[in-house]
Amino acid sequence: MYDASVVLDLMFLQMTCGTTGRNAKSVTLAPCRMERHMNKAPKVLEIEQIGSPIRRHHSQRATLIGLGLNRIGRVANVPDTPETRGMVAKVRHLVRIVEAEKK
């Protein structure tokens, strides 16, 4: 009847909004605190490569490629997530971080 992702979304909203039972479907219509936070635009980091991966461990070069960088001076916009922050921390000596302004 419902797609699996719809069911999971309803379960998540039930847990965060405290709605259970028959009124679970009405959660999608009534705003709750979690829905208001979910509508915010994600934060974006602007990362510029300032160092060369030559004579570095191959995993650092792979991390730069994963961030969308492979040339000095190249700039990439990536989402500000813990995963991205971890990747940046691994190559912090090769990159410069500037928070991009929201447009």
N, C-alpha and C. Protein backbone atom coordinates (compact mmCIF):
# COMPACT_ATOMS: atom_id res chain seq x y z
N MET A 1 0.83 -1.18 0.00
CA MET A 1 0.00 0.00 0.00
C MET A 1 0.88 1.25 0.00
N TYR A 2 1.82 1.36 0.95
CA TYR A 2 2.73 2.50 1.00
C TYR A 2 4.12 2.05 0.61
N ASP A 3 4.87 2.96 0.04
CA ASP A 3 6.26 2.70 -0.27
C ASP A 3 7.04 2.62 1.05
N ALA A 4 8.14 1.86 1.06
CA ALA A 4 8.92 1.67 2.27
C ALA A 4 9.45 2.99 2.82
N SER A 5 9.85 3.90 1.94
CA SER A 5 10.39 5.18 2.43
C SER A 5 9.29 6.02 3.09
N VAL A 6 8.07 5.92 2.59
CA VAL A 6 6.96 6.66 3.20
C VAL A 6 6.67 6.12 4.59
N VAL A 7 6.72 4.80 4.72
CA VAL A 7 6.47 4.17 6.02
C VAL A 7 7.56 4.59 7.01
N LEU A 8 8.81 4.59 6.58
CA LEU A 8 9.89 4.99 7.47
C LEU A 8 9.76 6.46 7.87
N ASP A 9 9.38 7.32 6.92
CA ASP A 9 9.18 8.72 7.25
C ASP A 9 8.06 8.90 8.28
N LEU A 10 6.98 8.16 8.11
CA LEU A 10 5.88 8.24 9.08
C LEU A 10 6.32 7.77 10.46
N MET A 11 7.11 6.68 10.48
CA MET A 11 7.59 6.18 11.78
C MET A 11 8.50 7.20 12.44
N PHE A 12 9.37 7.85 11.65
CA PHE A 12 10.27 8.85 12.19
C PHE A 12 9.48 10.03 12.76
N LEU A 13 8.48 10.49 12.01
CA LEU A 13 7.67 11.61 12.47
C LEU A 13 6.86 11.24 13.71
N GLN A 14 6.43 9.98 13.81
CA GLN A 14 5.71 9.54 15.00
C GLN A 14 6.60 9.64 16.22
N MET A 15 7.86 9.20 16.05
CA MET A 15 8.78 9.22 17.19
C MET A 15 9.11 10.64 17.61
N THR A 16 9.31 11.53 16.63
CA THR A 16 9.73 12.90 16.98
C THR A 16 8.56 13.77 17.41
N CYS A 17 7.37 13.52 16.88
CA CYS A 17 6.22 14.36 17.21
C CYS A 17 5.36 13.77 18.32
N GLY A 18 5.59 12.51 18.65
CA GLY A 18 4.83 11.89 19.72
C GLY A 18 3.44 11.44 19.31
N THR A 19 3.18 11.25 18.03
CA THR A 19 1.87 10.83 17.57
C THR A 19 1.89 9.34 17.30
N THR A 20 0.87 8.63 17.79
CA THR A 20 0.79 7.19 17.58
C THR A 20 -0.64 6.83 17.21
N GLY A 21 -0.83 5.59 16.82
CA GLY A 21 -2.17 5.08 16.56
C GLY A 21 -2.78 5.60 15.28
N ARG A 22 -4.11 5.83 15.31
CA ARG A 22 -4.83 6.25 14.10
C ARG A 22 -4.40 7.60 13.57
N ASN A 23 -3.94 8.46 14.43
CA ASN A 23 -3.58 9.81 14.02
C ASN A 23 -2.19 9.89 13.40
N ALA A 24 -1.55 8.76 13.17
CA ALA A 24 -0.19 8.76 12.64
C ALA A 24 -0.13 9.38 11.25
N LYS A 25 -1.16 9.18 10.42
CA LYS A 25 -1.14 9.74 9.07
C LYS A 25 -1.29 11.26 9.10
N SER A 26 -1.97 11.79 10.09
CA SER A 26 -2.15 13.23 10.16
C SER A 26 -0.88 13.96 10.52
N VAL A 27 0.15 13.22 10.92
CA VAL A 27 1.42 13.84 11.26
C VAL A 27 2.01 14.53 10.05
N THR A 28 1.79 13.98 8.86
CA THR A 28 2.36 14.60 7.66
C THR A 28 1.74 15.97 7.38
N LEU A 29 0.54 16.22 7.89
CA LEU A 29 -0.11 17.50 7.67
C LEU A 29 0.20 18.51 8.77
N ALA A 30 0.36 18.03 9.99
CA ALA A 30 0.61 18.92 11.12
C ALA A 30 2.12 19.14 11.29
N PRO A 31 2.58 20.39 11.32
CA PRO A 31 4.01 20.62 11.51
C PRO A 31 4.44 20.32 12.94
N CYS A 32 5.62 19.82 13.08
CA CYS A 32 6.20 19.60 14.40
C CYS A 32 7.59 20.23 14.41
N ARG A 33 8.23 20.18 15.54
CA ARG A 33 9.54 20.83 15.65
C ARG A 33 10.55 20.24 14.68
N MET A 34 10.54 18.92 14.53
CA MET A 34 11.53 18.29 13.66
C MET A 34 11.33 18.69 12.20
N GLU A 35 10.09 18.81 11.75
CA GLU A 35 9.84 19.19 10.37
C GLU A 35 10.34 20.60 10.08
N ARG A 36 10.20 21.50 11.04
CA ARG A 36 10.68 22.86 10.84
C ARG A 36 12.19 22.89 10.69
N HIS A 37 12.88 22.02 11.42
CA HIS A 37 14.34 21.97 11.30
C HIS A 37 14.77 21.29 10.01
N MET A 38 13.96 20.38 9.51
CA MET A 38 14.32 19.66 8.29
C MET A 38 14.22 20.55 7.07
N ASN A 39 13.46 21.63 7.12
CA ASN A 39 13.29 22.51 5.98
C ASN A 39 14.43 23.50 5.81
N LYS A 40 15.31 23.61 6.77
CA LYS A 40 16.43 24.54 6.66
C LYS A 40 17.40 24.04 5.60
N ALA A 41 18.01 24.98 4.89
CA ALA A 41 18.99 24.63 3.87
C ALA A 41 20.26 24.09 4.54
N PRO A 42 20.85 23.06 3.98
CA PRO A 42 22.07 22.51 4.58
C PRO A 42 23.23 23.49 4.45
N LYS A 43 24.13 23.44 5.40
CA LYS A 43 25.30 24.30 5.40
C LYS A 43 26.31 23.76 4.38
N VAL A 44 26.98 24.64 3.72
CA VAL A 44 27.93 24.26 2.67
C VAL A 44 29.30 24.83 3.02
N LEU A 45 30.33 24.01 2.81
CA LEU A 45 31.70 24.46 2.98
C LEU A 45 32.34 24.67 1.63
N GLU A 46 33.10 25.74 1.51
CA GLU A 46 33.88 25.98 0.30
C GLU A 46 35.32 25.61 0.64
N ILE A 47 35.87 24.66 -0.09
CA ILE A 47 37.21 24.14 0.20
C ILE A 47 38.09 24.42 -1.01
N GLU A 48 39.27 24.95 -0.75
CA GLU A 48 40.24 25.22 -1.82
C GLU A 48 41.50 24.41 -1.56
N GLN A 49 42.00 23.77 -2.59
CA GLN A 49 43.25 23.01 -2.45
C GLN A 49 44.42 23.97 -2.56
N ILE A 50 45.30 23.93 -1.56
CA ILE A 50 46.46 24.83 -1.56
C ILE A 50 47.78 24.09 -1.59
N GLY A 51 47.74 22.76 -1.48
CA GLY A 51 48.97 21.98 -1.49
C GLY A 51 48.89 20.81 -2.45
N SER A 52 50.05 20.30 -2.82
CA SER A 52 50.12 19.20 -3.78
C SER A 52 50.14 17.85 -3.06
N PRO A 53 49.46 16.85 -3.62
CA PRO A 53 49.49 15.52 -3.02
C PRO A 53 50.72 14.70 -3.42
N ILE A 54 51.64 15.32 -4.19
CA ILE A 54 52.85 14.60 -4.59
C ILE A 54 53.67 14.29 -3.34
N ARG A 55 54.19 13.09 -3.25
CA ARG A 55 54.99 12.57 -2.12
C ARG A 55 54.16 12.49 -0.85
N ARG A 56 52.86 12.31 -0.99
CA ARG A 56 51.96 12.08 0.14
C ARG A 56 51.43 10.66 0.03
N HIS A 57 50.87 10.16 1.10
CA HIS A 57 50.28 8.83 1.08
C HIS A 57 49.13 8.79 0.08
N HIS A 58 48.97 7.67 -0.60
CA HIS A 58 47.95 7.57 -1.65
C HIS A 58 46.54 7.78 -1.11
N SER A 59 46.32 7.50 0.17
CA SER A 59 44.98 7.71 0.73
C SER A 59 44.64 9.20 0.83
N GLN A 60 45.68 10.05 1.00
CA GLN A 60 45.42 11.48 1.04
C GLN A 60 45.02 12.00 -0.35
N ARG A 61 45.64 11.46 -1.39
CA ARG A 61 45.25 11.84 -2.75
C ARG A 61 43.82 11.38 -3.04
N ALA A 62 43.48 10.17 -2.59
CA ALA A 62 42.13 9.66 -2.79
C ALA A 62 41.10 10.51 -2.04
N THR A 63 41.48 11.00 -0.86
CA THR A 63 40.58 11.87 -0.10
C THR A 63 40.35 13.19 -0.83
N LEU A 64 41.41 13.76 -1.40
CA LEU A 64 41.26 14.99 -2.18
C LEU A 64 40.32 14.77 -3.37
N ILE A 65 40.47 13.65 -4.05
CA ILE A 65 39.60 13.35 -5.18
C ILE A 65 38.17 13.17 -4.70
N GLY A 66 37.99 12.54 -3.53
CA GLY A 66 36.66 12.37 -2.97
C GLY A 66 36.00 13.70 -2.62
N LEU A 67 36.80 14.69 -2.29
CA LEU A 67 36.28 16.02 -1.99
C LEU A 67 36.05 16.84 -3.26
N GLY A 68 36.44 16.31 -4.41
CA GLY A 68 36.27 17.04 -5.66
C GLY A 68 37.44 17.93 -5.99
N LEU A 69 38.59 17.65 -5.38
CA LEU A 69 39.80 18.44 -5.62
C LEU A 69 40.88 17.53 -6.20
N ASN A 70 41.63 18.01 -7.17
CA ASN A 70 42.79 17.25 -7.66
C ASN A 70 43.81 18.16 -8.32
N ARG A 71 43.70 19.45 -8.05
CA ARG A 71 44.62 20.41 -8.64
C ARG A 71 44.72 21.61 -7.71
N ILE A 72 45.91 22.14 -7.53
CA ILE A 72 46.09 23.30 -6.66
C ILE A 72 45.28 24.48 -7.21
N GLY A 73 44.55 25.14 -6.31
CA GLY A 73 43.73 26.28 -6.69
C GLY A 73 42.29 25.92 -7.00
N ARG A 74 41.99 24.64 -7.12
CA ARG A 74 40.61 24.23 -7.42
C ARG A 74 39.76 24.40 -6.17
N VAL A 75 38.51 24.83 -6.36
CA VAL A 75 37.59 25.07 -5.26
C VAL A 75 36.40 24.13 -5.41
N ALA A 76 35.96 23.55 -4.29
CA ALA A 76 34.81 22.65 -4.29
C ALA A 76 33.86 23.07 -3.18
N ASN A 77 32.56 22.97 -3.46
CA ASN A 77 31.53 23.20 -2.46
C ASN A 77 31.00 21.85 -2.02
N VAL A 78 31.14 21.56 -0.74
CA VAL A 78 30.71 20.27 -0.20
C VAL A 78 29.79 20.51 1.00
N PRO A 79 28.87 19.59 1.28
CA PRO A 79 27.99 19.77 2.44
C PRO A 79 28.77 19.67 3.74
N ASP A 80 28.34 20.42 4.73
CA ASP A 80 29.00 20.42 6.04
C ASP A 80 28.43 19.29 6.87
N THR A 81 29.03 18.11 6.74
CA THR A 81 28.62 16.94 7.50
C THR A 81 29.82 16.41 8.28
N PRO A 82 29.59 15.56 9.28
CA PRO A 82 30.72 14.98 10.01
C PRO A 82 31.65 14.19 9.10
N GLU A 83 31.11 13.54 8.08
CA GLU A 83 31.94 12.77 7.16
C GLU A 83 32.87 13.68 6.38
N THR A 84 32.32 14.78 5.89
CA THR A 84 33.13 15.73 5.14
C THR A 84 34.17 16.39 6.04
N ARG A 85 33.77 16.73 7.26
CA ARG A 85 34.73 17.32 8.20
C ARG A 85 35.89 16.36 8.48
N GLY A 86 35.59 15.06 8.57
CA GLY A 86 36.64 14.06 8.78
C GLY A 86 37.60 13.98 7.61
N MET A 87 37.05 14.07 6.40
CA MET A 87 37.90 14.04 5.21
C MET A 87 38.80 15.28 5.17
N VAL A 88 38.23 16.43 5.51
CA VAL A 88 39.01 17.66 5.52
C VAL A 88 40.10 17.60 6.58
N ALA A 89 39.78 17.01 7.72
CA ALA A 89 40.78 16.89 8.79
C ALA A 89 41.96 16.02 8.36
N LYS A 90 41.69 15.05 7.53
CA LYS A 90 42.75 14.15 7.06
C LYS A 90 43.74 14.87 6.15
N VAL A 91 43.27 15.84 5.38
CA VAL A 91 44.13 16.57 4.45
C VAL A 91 44.18 18.05 4.78
N ARG A 92 44.08 18.39 6.06
CA ARG A 92 44.01 19.80 6.46
C ARG A 92 45.26 20.59 6.08
N HIS A 93 46.38 19.90 5.88
CA HIS A 93 47.61 20.59 5.48
C HIS A 93 47.63 20.88 3.98
N LEU A 94 46.65 20.36 3.23
CA LEU A 94 46.60 20.55 1.79
C LEU A 94 45.43 21.42 1.33
N VAL A 95 44.53 21.77 2.26
CA VAL A 95 43.33 22.52 1.87
C VAL A 95 43.12 23.72 2.78
N ARG A 96 42.29 24.65 2.29
CA ARG A 96 41.89 25.81 3.06
C ARG A 96 40.37 25.83 3.04
N ILE A 97 39.74 26.08 4.19
CA ILE A 97 38.29 26.05 4.30
C ILE A 97 37.75 27.46 4.45
N VAL A 98 36.70 27.76 3.67
CA VAL A 98 35.97 29.00 3.78
C VAL A 98 34.50 28.64 3.73
N GLU A 99 33.73 29.05 4.74
CA GLU A 99 32.30 28.75 4.71
C GLU A 99 31.65 29.56 3.61
N ALA A 100 30.96 28.87 2.74
CA ALA A 100 30.29 29.54 1.62
C ALA A 100 29.04 30.25 2.13
N GLU A 101 28.75 31.41 1.57
CA GLU A 101 27.57 32.18 1.94
C GLU A 101 26.35 31.54 1.32
N LYS A 102 25.24 31.53 2.05
CA LYS A 102 24.00 31.00 1.51
C LYS A 102 23.43 31.98 0.50
N LYS A 103 22.94 31.45 -0.61
CA LYS A 103 22.43 32.30 -1.68
C LYS A 103 20.93 32.24 -1.73
